[in-house]
Amino acid sequence: MNPQPPSPPAQVCVRHTDRPTGLSCTRCGRPACPECLRPASVGQHCVDCVRSDQRSTRQVRTASGAVAPRSATPFVTYALIALNVVVYAITAAQSRSLMANEQGSALFIDWVMYPPAVAAGEWWRVLGSGFLHYGLIHLLLNMFALYIVGRDIELVLGRARYLAVYLISLLGGSAAVMLLAQDNLTAGASGAVYGLFGAITVILIRLRQNPNSMLILIGINVFISFSLPGISLWGHLGGLAAGTLATLGVMFLPGWLRVRTPEQARTIGVISLVFLAAVVFAVIMVAAMSLR
């Protein structure tokens, strides 16, 4: 009676050596358990091959050189809107008024932009005032504008640079108020929103789209700022100038410097934003020192 030949040893998963398997990766041929395999256009690939493909795949970038987000959801825009609404809710609760929230609110009094107070050392007003609003209508108008233009800008610039442009616009509005409206109490996201108006105009020009609708909108809003009393004209114009310059640095400066790679374009864009933010802060500090 002839003895039966010994059966070959069972294959085990290369990542889980305690799991026998009859499956293998169609790319590298190594045995793998079902947990370690992913469907592919032909057969199935192990997780190591999938990761290797992801590292070697060229990242999709937007016109500004930013890595295109995997999700089109404008998380930064939603977060900014939520933050403005939360701050407004706090001021309304403190003042016990949904419409006249600036009266009797300790937070509003502590954060409103007042240049002499900034010169005395209350620097948080420079940013904090951009999240306050004079009444519900003021809040709704600014948040509607932020929602309309912010979504598209965030997708083109990328989340980090979009947030940087927003904050630089806010700082630009505060800097203009420090220089040119030193006796006024200023609050609202309008300076930052005007900066986004300038940003989307620059983006349209860079993408070779017609910017006339945005130019008309900016012109109408500037005319309203000149015409109606109680509106912070210099806060609006300062934000518009800062947002426009910041986006010009991101969208056009790499091309003017003949930058060729996305990594270099990203570096130049970040440097331009940091430089502009430093200039705006310097303007604020000079204005504050002149008030002392």
Protein backbone atom coordinates (compact mmCIF):
# COMPACT_ATOMS: atom_id res chain seq x y z
CA MET A 1 0.00 0.00 0.00
CA ASN A 2 1.57 3.27 -1.20
CA PRO A 3 1.55 6.14 1.37
CA GLN A 4 -0.27 9.33 0.30
CA PRO A 5 2.06 12.28 -0.48
CA PRO A 6 1.93 14.98 2.15
CA SER A 7 -0.41 17.87 1.29
CA PRO A 8 1.29 21.24 0.68
CA PRO A 9 1.16 23.66 3.59
CA ALA A 10 -1.82 26.01 3.51
CA GLN A 11 -1.15 29.60 2.51
CA VAL A 12 -1.55 32.26 5.18
CA CYS A 13 -2.18 35.96 4.85
CA VAL A 14 1.04 37.97 4.76
CA ARG A 15 -0.40 40.48 7.23
CA HIS A 16 -2.25 37.99 9.46
CA THR A 17 -0.11 34.87 9.71
CA ASP A 18 -2.74 33.04 11.79
CA ARG A 19 -5.31 33.17 8.96
CA PRO A 20 -5.15 30.51 6.21
CA THR A 21 -6.35 31.80 2.85
CA GLY A 22 -6.75 30.68 -0.72
CA LEU A 23 -6.87 34.25 -2.03
CA SER A 24 -4.03 36.42 -3.29
CA CYS A 25 -3.37 39.90 -4.63
CA THR A 26 -3.65 40.03 -8.42
CA ARG A 27 -0.90 42.65 -8.54
CA CYS A 28 1.88 41.37 -6.28
CA GLY A 29 0.69 37.74 -6.01
CA ARG A 30 1.07 37.53 -2.24
CA PRO A 31 -1.57 35.59 -0.28
CA ALA A 32 -4.04 37.77 1.61
CA CYS A 33 -7.20 37.28 3.64
CA PRO A 34 -10.49 38.94 2.59
CA GLU A 35 -9.97 41.73 5.15
CA CYS A 36 -6.70 42.74 3.46
CA LEU A 37 -8.02 42.80 -0.11
CA ARG A 38 -9.73 45.61 -1.97
CA PRO A 39 -11.71 45.35 -5.22
CA ALA A 40 -9.80 46.57 -8.29
CA SER A 41 -10.65 47.07 -11.95
CA VAL A 42 -9.02 43.68 -12.57
CA GLY A 43 -9.17 41.23 -9.67
CA GLN A 44 -8.36 42.47 -6.18
CA HIS A 45 -5.38 44.26 -4.67
CA CYS A 46 -3.94 43.99 -1.19
CA VAL A 47 -3.94 47.07 1.04
CA ASP A 48 -0.16 47.52 0.61
CA CYS A 49 -0.52 47.78 -3.18
CA VAL A 50 -3.46 50.18 -2.78
CA ARG A 51 -1.39 52.47 -0.54
CA SER A 52 1.52 52.33 -2.97
CA ASP A 53 -0.81 53.40 -5.80
CA GLN A 54 -2.16 56.31 -3.74
CA ARG A 55 1.35 57.58 -2.98
CA SER A 56 2.43 57.41 -6.62
CA THR A 57 -0.77 58.96 -8.04
CA ARG A 58 -0.37 62.62 -8.92
CA GLN A 59 -2.60 64.81 -6.75
CA VAL A 60 -5.29 66.86 -8.46
CA ARG A 61 -4.76 70.57 -7.89
CA THR A 62 -6.93 73.63 -8.35
CA ALA A 63 -6.08 76.76 -10.34
CA SER A 64 -4.39 78.22 -7.25
CA GLY A 65 -2.10 75.22 -6.84
CA ALA A 66 -3.98 73.87 -3.82
CA VAL A 67 -4.68 70.16 -3.53
CA ALA A 68 -8.28 69.59 -4.58
CA PRO A 69 -10.30 68.48 -1.51
CA ARG A 70 -11.83 65.03 -1.57
CA SER A 71 -15.14 66.50 -0.46
CA ALA A 72 -16.81 69.49 -2.08
CA THR A 73 -18.43 70.45 1.24
CA PRO A 74 -17.20 73.96 2.22
CA PHE A 75 -16.41 73.13 5.84
CA VAL A 76 -14.50 76.37 6.54
CA THR A 77 -17.37 78.52 5.23
CA TYR A 78 -19.86 76.63 7.38
CA ALA A 79 -17.57 76.92 10.41
CA LEU A 80 -17.21 80.70 9.95
CA ILE A 81 -20.98 81.11 9.63
CA ALA A 82 -21.54 78.97 12.73
CA LEU A 83 -18.99 80.99 14.72
CA ASN A 84 -20.63 84.28 13.75
CA VAL A 85 -24.07 82.94 14.68
CA VAL A 86 -22.85 81.61 18.04
CA VAL A 87 -21.23 84.95 18.94
CA TYR A 88 -24.40 86.78 17.93
CA ALA A 89 -26.50 84.43 20.04
CA ILE A 90 -24.29 85.16 23.06
CA THR A 91 -24.59 88.94 22.60
CA ALA A 92 -28.36 88.67 22.07
CA ALA A 93 -28.73 86.59 25.25
CA GLN A 94 -26.65 89.05 27.26
CA SER A 95 -28.63 92.05 25.99
CA ARG A 96 -31.95 90.18 26.13
CA SER A 97 -32.75 91.53 22.69
CA LEU A 98 -32.64 89.79 19.32
CA MET A 99 -32.41 93.04 17.38
CA ALA A 100 -30.51 95.52 19.58
CA ASN A 101 -27.90 93.04 20.75
CA GLU A 102 -25.17 95.70 21.11
CA GLN A 103 -26.95 97.30 24.07
CA GLY A 104 -26.18 95.65 27.38
CA SER A 105 -23.92 92.90 26.02
CA ALA A 106 -20.62 92.61 27.87
CA LEU A 107 -19.09 90.60 25.02
CA PHE A 108 -20.05 93.24 22.46
CA ILE A 109 -18.56 96.01 24.61
CA ASP A 110 -15.34 94.03 25.11
CA TRP A 111 -14.90 93.06 21.43
CA VAL A 112 -16.19 96.01 19.38
CA MET A 113 -13.49 97.71 17.31
CA TYR A 114 -12.53 100.97 19.04
CA PRO A 115 -9.05 102.22 18.03
CA PRO A 116 -8.21 103.99 21.32
CA ALA A 117 -8.97 100.76 23.21
CA VAL A 118 -6.72 98.80 20.82
CA ALA A 119 -3.99 101.38 21.37
CA ALA A 120 -4.40 100.82 25.13
CA GLY A 121 -3.55 97.13 24.65
CA GLU A 122 -6.89 95.46 23.89
CA TRP A 123 -5.60 93.77 20.71
CA TRP A 124 -8.29 91.09 20.65
CA ARG A 125 -10.72 93.69 19.31
CA VAL A 126 -8.88 93.65 15.96
CA LEU A 127 -10.19 90.14 15.21
CA GLY A 128 -13.06 89.81 17.67
CA SER A 129 -14.97 92.75 16.20
CA GLY A 130 -15.25 90.83 12.91
CA PHE A 131 -17.56 88.31 14.57
CA LEU A 132 -19.95 90.87 16.12
CA HIS A 133 -23.01 92.32 14.38
CA TYR A 134 -25.35 95.25 14.90
CA GLY A 135 -28.67 93.45 14.87
CA LEU A 136 -30.15 90.42 13.16
CA ILE A 137 -30.46 92.00 9.69
CA HIS A 138 -26.76 92.89 9.72
CA LEU A 139 -25.90 89.29 10.61
CA LEU A 140 -28.20 87.73 7.99
CA LEU A 141 -26.92 89.93 5.15
CA ASN A 142 -23.28 89.17 5.93
CA MET A 143 -23.82 85.44 6.39
CA PHE A 144 -25.81 85.18 3.16
CA ALA A 145 -23.00 86.90 1.24
CA LEU A 146 -20.40 84.70 2.95
CA TYR A 147 -22.35 81.57 2.03
CA ILE A 148 -22.76 82.60 -1.63
CA VAL A 149 -19.16 83.57 -2.40
CA GLY A 150 -17.29 81.61 0.27
CA ARG A 151 -18.20 78.16 -1.06
CA ASP A 152 -16.61 78.70 -4.48
CA ILE A 153 -13.55 80.51 -3.13
CA GLU A 154 -12.88 77.69 -0.67
CA LEU A 155 -12.89 75.09 -3.46
CA VAL A 156 -10.45 77.10 -5.60
CA LEU A 157 -8.02 78.35 -2.94
CA GLY A 158 -8.16 75.34 -0.65
CA ARG A 159 -9.31 75.49 2.94
CA ALA A 160 -6.13 76.85 4.56
CA ARG A 161 -5.51 79.64 2.07
CA TYR A 162 -9.20 80.54 1.95
CA LEU A 163 -9.21 80.95 5.73
CA ALA A 164 -6.02 83.02 5.49
CA VAL A 165 -7.59 85.34 2.88
CA TYR A 166 -10.70 85.72 5.06
CA LEU A 167 -8.69 86.65 8.15
CA ILE A 168 -6.38 88.98 6.20
CA SER A 169 -9.47 90.73 4.81
CA LEU A 170 -10.82 91.10 8.33
CA LEU A 171 -7.48 92.50 9.50
CA GLY A 172 -7.37 94.85 6.51
CA GLY A 173 -10.72 96.31 7.51
CA SER A 174 -9.50 96.79 11.08
CA ALA A 175 -6.28 98.41 9.86
CA ALA A 176 -8.22 100.94 7.75
CA VAL A 177 -10.44 101.77 10.73
CA MET A 178 -7.37 102.23 12.94
CA LEU A 179 -5.91 104.69 10.45
CA LEU A 180 -8.94 106.58 9.15
CA ALA A 181 -11.90 106.15 11.52
CA GLN A 182 -10.32 106.34 14.94
CA ASP A 183 -13.37 107.63 16.80
CA ASN A 184 -15.85 105.05 15.49
CA LEU A 185 -17.19 101.86 17.04
CA THR A 186 -16.97 99.24 14.28
CA ALA A 187 -18.27 95.66 14.20
CA GLY A 188 -19.27 93.05 11.64
CA ALA A 189 -17.94 90.56 9.12
CA SER A 190 -18.48 93.08 6.30
CA GLY A 191 -14.77 93.83 5.89
CA ALA A 192 -13.99 90.14 5.46
CA VAL A 193 -16.96 89.69 3.09
CA TYR A 194 -15.80 92.62 0.96
CA GLY A 195 -12.38 90.96 0.87
CA LEU A 196 -14.04 87.81 -0.48
CA PHE A 197 -15.78 89.93 -3.13
CA GLY A 198 -12.34 91.05 -4.27
CA ALA A 199 -11.03 87.49 -4.02
CA ILE A 200 -13.67 85.96 -6.26
CA THR A 201 -13.17 88.76 -8.80
CA VAL A 202 -9.46 87.94 -8.98
CA ILE A 203 -10.28 84.23 -9.33
CA LEU A 204 -12.69 84.91 -12.20
CA ILE A 205 -10.00 86.94 -14.01
CA ARG A 206 -7.43 84.19 -13.41
CA LEU A 207 -9.83 81.58 -14.82
CA ARG A 208 -10.59 83.88 -17.78
CA GLN A 209 -14.23 84.23 -16.81
CA ASN A 210 -16.25 87.43 -17.10
CA PRO A 211 -15.92 89.39 -13.80
CA ASN A 212 -18.40 92.13 -14.74
CA SER A 213 -21.18 90.89 -12.43
CA MET A 214 -18.86 90.96 -9.43
CA LEU A 215 -17.45 94.37 -10.39
CA ILE A 216 -20.99 95.76 -10.60
CA LEU A 217 -21.86 94.20 -7.24
CA ILE A 218 -18.75 95.69 -5.64
CA GLY A 219 -19.54 99.09 -7.15
CA ILE A 220 -23.11 99.02 -5.82
CA ASN A 221 -21.96 98.05 -2.33
CA VAL A 222 -19.24 100.72 -2.26
CA PHE A 223 -21.82 103.31 -3.36
CA ILE A 224 -24.13 102.20 -0.52
CA SER A 225 -21.21 102.45 1.92
CA PHE A 226 -20.60 106.05 0.82
CA SER A 227 -24.29 106.98 0.83
CA LEU A 228 -25.76 105.56 4.03
CA PRO A 229 -24.76 106.87 7.48
CA GLY A 230 -23.65 104.43 10.14
CA ILE A 231 -21.82 102.11 7.70
CA SER A 232 -18.09 101.59 8.16
CA LEU A 233 -16.82 102.80 4.78
CA TRP A 234 -13.15 102.40 5.67
CA GLY A 235 -13.71 98.96 7.17
CA HIS A 236 -15.31 97.85 3.90
CA LEU A 237 -12.65 99.40 1.66
CA GLY A 238 -9.81 98.10 3.82
CA GLY A 239 -11.19 94.58 3.71
CA LEU A 240 -11.74 94.81 -0.05
CA ALA A 241 -8.16 95.94 -0.65
CA ALA A 242 -6.62 93.32 1.64
CA GLY A 243 -8.65 90.40 0.22
CA THR A 244 -7.92 91.44 -3.36
CA LEU A 245 -4.18 91.77 -2.75
CA ALA A 246 -4.02 88.48 -0.86
CA THR A 247 -5.73 86.58 -3.68
CA LEU A 248 -3.57 88.29 -6.31
CA GLY A 249 -0.54 86.95 -4.43
CA VAL A 250 -1.93 83.41 -4.43
CA MET A 251 -3.30 83.32 -7.99
CA PHE A 252 -0.91 85.49 -10.02
CA LEU A 253 2.42 85.89 -8.18
CA PRO A 254 3.72 82.36 -8.98
CA GLY A 255 3.04 82.98 -12.69
CA TRP A 256 4.74 86.38 -12.65
CA LEU A 257 7.79 84.78 -11.00
CA ARG A 258 7.73 81.96 -13.60
CA VAL A 259 7.24 79.29 -10.97
CA ARG A 260 6.78 75.91 -12.65
CA THR A 261 5.95 73.28 -10.02
CA PRO A 262 2.83 73.11 -7.78
CA GLU A 263 5.05 72.88 -4.69
CA GLN A 264 6.84 76.12 -5.57
CA ALA A 265 3.51 77.82 -6.35
CA ARG A 266 2.17 76.78 -2.97
CA THR A 267 5.27 78.14 -1.22
CA ILE A 268 5.07 81.48 -3.04
CA GLY A 269 1.35 81.75 -2.25
CA VAL A 270 1.90 81.10 1.45
CA ILE A 271 4.79 83.59 1.58
CA SER A 272 2.63 86.27 -0.03
CA LEU A 273 -0.14 85.70 2.51
CA VAL A 274 2.25 85.80 5.46
CA PHE A 275 3.91 88.95 4.10
CA LEU A 276 0.61 90.75 3.58
CA ALA A 277 -0.62 89.75 7.05
CA ALA A 278 2.61 91.12 8.52
CA VAL A 279 2.15 94.40 6.64
CA VAL A 280 -1.44 94.74 7.87
CA PHE A 281 -0.39 94.08 11.46
CA ALA A 282 2.39 96.67 11.08
CA VAL A 283 -0.17 99.25 9.91
CA ILE A 284 -2.36 98.47 12.92
CA MET A 285 0.59 98.80 15.31
CA VAL A 286 1.69 102.12 13.78
CA ALA A 287 -1.85 103.47 14.05
CA ALA A 288 -2.09 102.29 17.65
CA MET A 289 1.18 103.97 18.58
CA SER A 290 0.01 107.23 17.02
CA LEU A 291 -3.07 107.19 19.27
CA ARG A 292 -1.10 106.89 22.48
